Amino acid sequence: MRTVLIVEDNEKNMKLLRDVLGFKGYAVLEAVDGESGVALAAERLPDLVLMDIQLPGINGVEALRRLRAAPATAAIPVIAVTASVMDQDRRQIIEAGFDGFVSKPVNLKEFMAAVEKALAGRAA
């Protein structure tokens, strides 16, 4: 079973993503801020991380930087899930090194396509 870590501080968004992924057969880990997301990723080594950008404490870009800096988590794909949908925001997110981008409000079809694409390159 593939494991997905959701790093999201909004309870409704967390529930939506958790419910959709659970329905699709994924195991789900949850963190509500960047620091705990980085720690949980290092501890549990999920197959994929879904990272909000606007988080309490460190933001999603800094959390990604920390994940990429650690050998154990450097190769885990990380998708940005954010309400920042301006072209400039999207460009900055991709330039930061995210493996994909899903805008809020989440379109479930686009969301699952992004998850499956990110996981396609990783051995089960």
Protein backbone atom coordinates (compact mmCIF):
# COMPACT_ATOMS: atom_id res chain seq x y z
CA MET A 1 0.00 0.00 0.00
CA ARG A 2 1.32 3.42 -0.97
CA THR A 3 1.61 6.01 1.80
CA VAL A 4 0.90 9.72 1.28
CA LEU A 5 1.79 12.41 3.82
CA ILE A 6 -0.54 15.41 3.77
CA VAL A 7 0.91 18.62 5.27
CA GLU A 8 -2.10 20.93 5.57
CA ASP A 9 -3.26 23.30 8.32
CA ASN A 10 -6.86 23.69 7.12
CA GLU A 11 -9.05 21.00 8.68
CA LYS A 12 -11.58 20.91 5.80
CA ASN A 13 -8.86 20.60 3.16
CA MET A 14 -7.14 17.88 5.20
CA LYS A 15 -10.38 15.91 5.51
CA LEU A 16 -11.11 16.16 1.77
CA LEU A 17 -7.63 14.98 0.76
CA ARG A 18 -7.57 12.26 3.43
CA ASP A 19 -11.01 10.95 2.42
CA VAL A 20 -10.22 10.89 -1.32
CA LEU A 21 -6.86 9.19 -0.85
CA GLY A 22 -8.30 6.69 1.63
CA PHE A 23 -11.11 5.86 -0.79
CA LYS A 24 -8.52 5.26 -3.52
CA GLY A 25 -6.64 2.82 -1.27
CA TYR A 26 -3.75 4.94 -0.02
CA ALA A 27 -2.49 4.98 3.56
CA VAL A 28 -2.49 8.57 4.82
CA LEU A 29 -0.23 10.38 7.29
CA GLU A 30 -1.11 13.88 8.50
CA ALA A 31 0.80 16.92 9.69
CA VAL A 32 -0.57 20.42 10.35
CA ASP A 33 2.64 22.45 10.03
CA GLY A 34 5.90 22.39 8.11
CA GLU A 35 8.15 21.32 10.98
CA SER A 36 6.06 18.28 11.92
CA GLY A 37 5.64 17.42 8.23
CA VAL A 38 9.41 17.33 7.72
CA ALA A 39 9.87 15.26 10.91
CA LEU A 40 7.12 12.80 9.96
CA ALA A 41 8.50 12.41 6.44
CA ALA A 42 11.95 11.60 7.86
CA GLU A 43 10.46 9.11 10.32
CA ARG A 44 7.97 7.31 8.06
CA LEU A 45 9.42 7.87 4.53
CA PRO A 46 6.10 8.18 2.67
CA ASP A 47 5.85 7.51 -1.08
CA LEU A 48 4.53 11.05 -1.67
CA VAL A 49 4.12 14.32 0.21
CA LEU A 50 1.28 16.77 -0.46
CA MET A 51 2.46 20.14 0.85
CA ASP A 52 0.42 23.26 1.47
CA ILE A 53 2.50 26.39 0.86
CA GLN A 54 0.97 28.69 3.50
CA LEU A 55 1.64 26.88 6.78
CA PRO A 56 2.19 27.98 10.39
CA GLY A 57 5.88 28.02 11.31
CA ILE A 58 7.98 27.26 8.26
CA ASN A 59 6.15 27.51 4.93
CA GLY A 60 5.88 24.75 2.36
CA VAL A 61 8.84 26.01 0.31
CA GLU A 62 11.14 25.91 3.35
CA ALA A 63 9.78 22.48 4.32
CA LEU A 64 10.56 21.25 0.81
CA ARG A 65 14.08 22.68 1.06
CA ARG A 66 14.62 20.71 4.28
CA LEU A 67 13.25 17.50 2.74
CA ARG A 68 15.54 17.87 -0.28
CA ALA A 69 18.56 18.58 1.98
CA ALA A 70 18.20 15.30 3.90
CA PRO A 71 19.46 12.18 2.09
CA ALA A 72 16.61 9.99 3.43
CA THR A 73 13.85 12.28 2.09
CA ALA A 74 15.55 13.96 -0.88
CA ALA A 75 13.97 11.69 -3.49
CA ILE A 76 10.40 11.68 -2.14
CA PRO A 77 8.13 13.44 -4.65
CA VAL A 78 6.42 16.52 -3.20
CA ILE A 79 3.34 18.15 -4.74
CA ALA A 80 2.39 21.70 -3.78
CA VAL A 81 -1.31 22.04 -2.89
CA THR A 82 -2.07 25.74 -2.69
CA ALA A 83 -4.54 28.54 -3.28
CA SER A 84 -1.68 30.59 -4.82
CA VAL A 85 -2.63 30.14 -8.46
CA MET A 86 -1.15 33.20 -10.15
CA ASP A 87 1.35 32.36 -12.92
CA GLN A 88 4.17 33.94 -10.89
CA ASP A 89 3.26 31.85 -7.81
CA ARG A 90 3.10 28.67 -9.88
CA ARG A 91 6.50 29.44 -11.47
CA GLN A 92 8.09 30.06 -8.04
CA ILE A 93 6.64 26.80 -6.71
CA ILE A 94 8.00 24.75 -9.62
CA GLU A 95 11.37 26.59 -9.46
CA ALA A 96 11.56 25.71 -5.75
CA GLY A 97 11.69 22.06 -6.80
CA PHE A 98 8.17 20.74 -6.26
CA ASP A 99 7.30 17.75 -8.42
CA GLY A 100 3.83 19.05 -9.19
CA PHE A 101 1.18 21.59 -8.38
CA VAL A 102 -2.49 21.29 -7.43
CA SER A 103 -4.57 24.42 -6.93
CA LYS A 104 -7.26 24.97 -4.31
CA PRO A 105 -10.13 24.55 -4.37
CA VAL A 106 -9.08 21.05 -5.33
CA ASN A 107 -10.44 19.54 -8.54
CA LEU A 108 -10.53 15.85 -7.57
CA LYS A 109 -9.84 14.55 -11.08
CA GLU A 110 -6.78 16.84 -11.49
CA PHE A 111 -5.68 16.03 -7.93
CA MET A 112 -5.71 12.25 -8.47
CA ALA A 113 -3.98 12.64 -11.85
CA ALA A 114 -1.18 14.62 -10.15
CA VAL A 115 -0.86 12.02 -7.36
CA GLU A 116 -0.73 9.13 -9.81
CA LYS A 117 1.79 10.93 -12.05
CA ALA A 118 4.08 11.68 -9.08
CA LEU A 119 3.93 8.06 -7.93
CA ALA A 120 4.36 6.58 -11.42
CA GLY A 121 8.13 6.95 -11.29
CA ARG A 122 8.49 5.30 -7.87
CA ALA A 123 8.67 1.58 -7.26
CA ALA A 124 5.77 0.26 -5.23
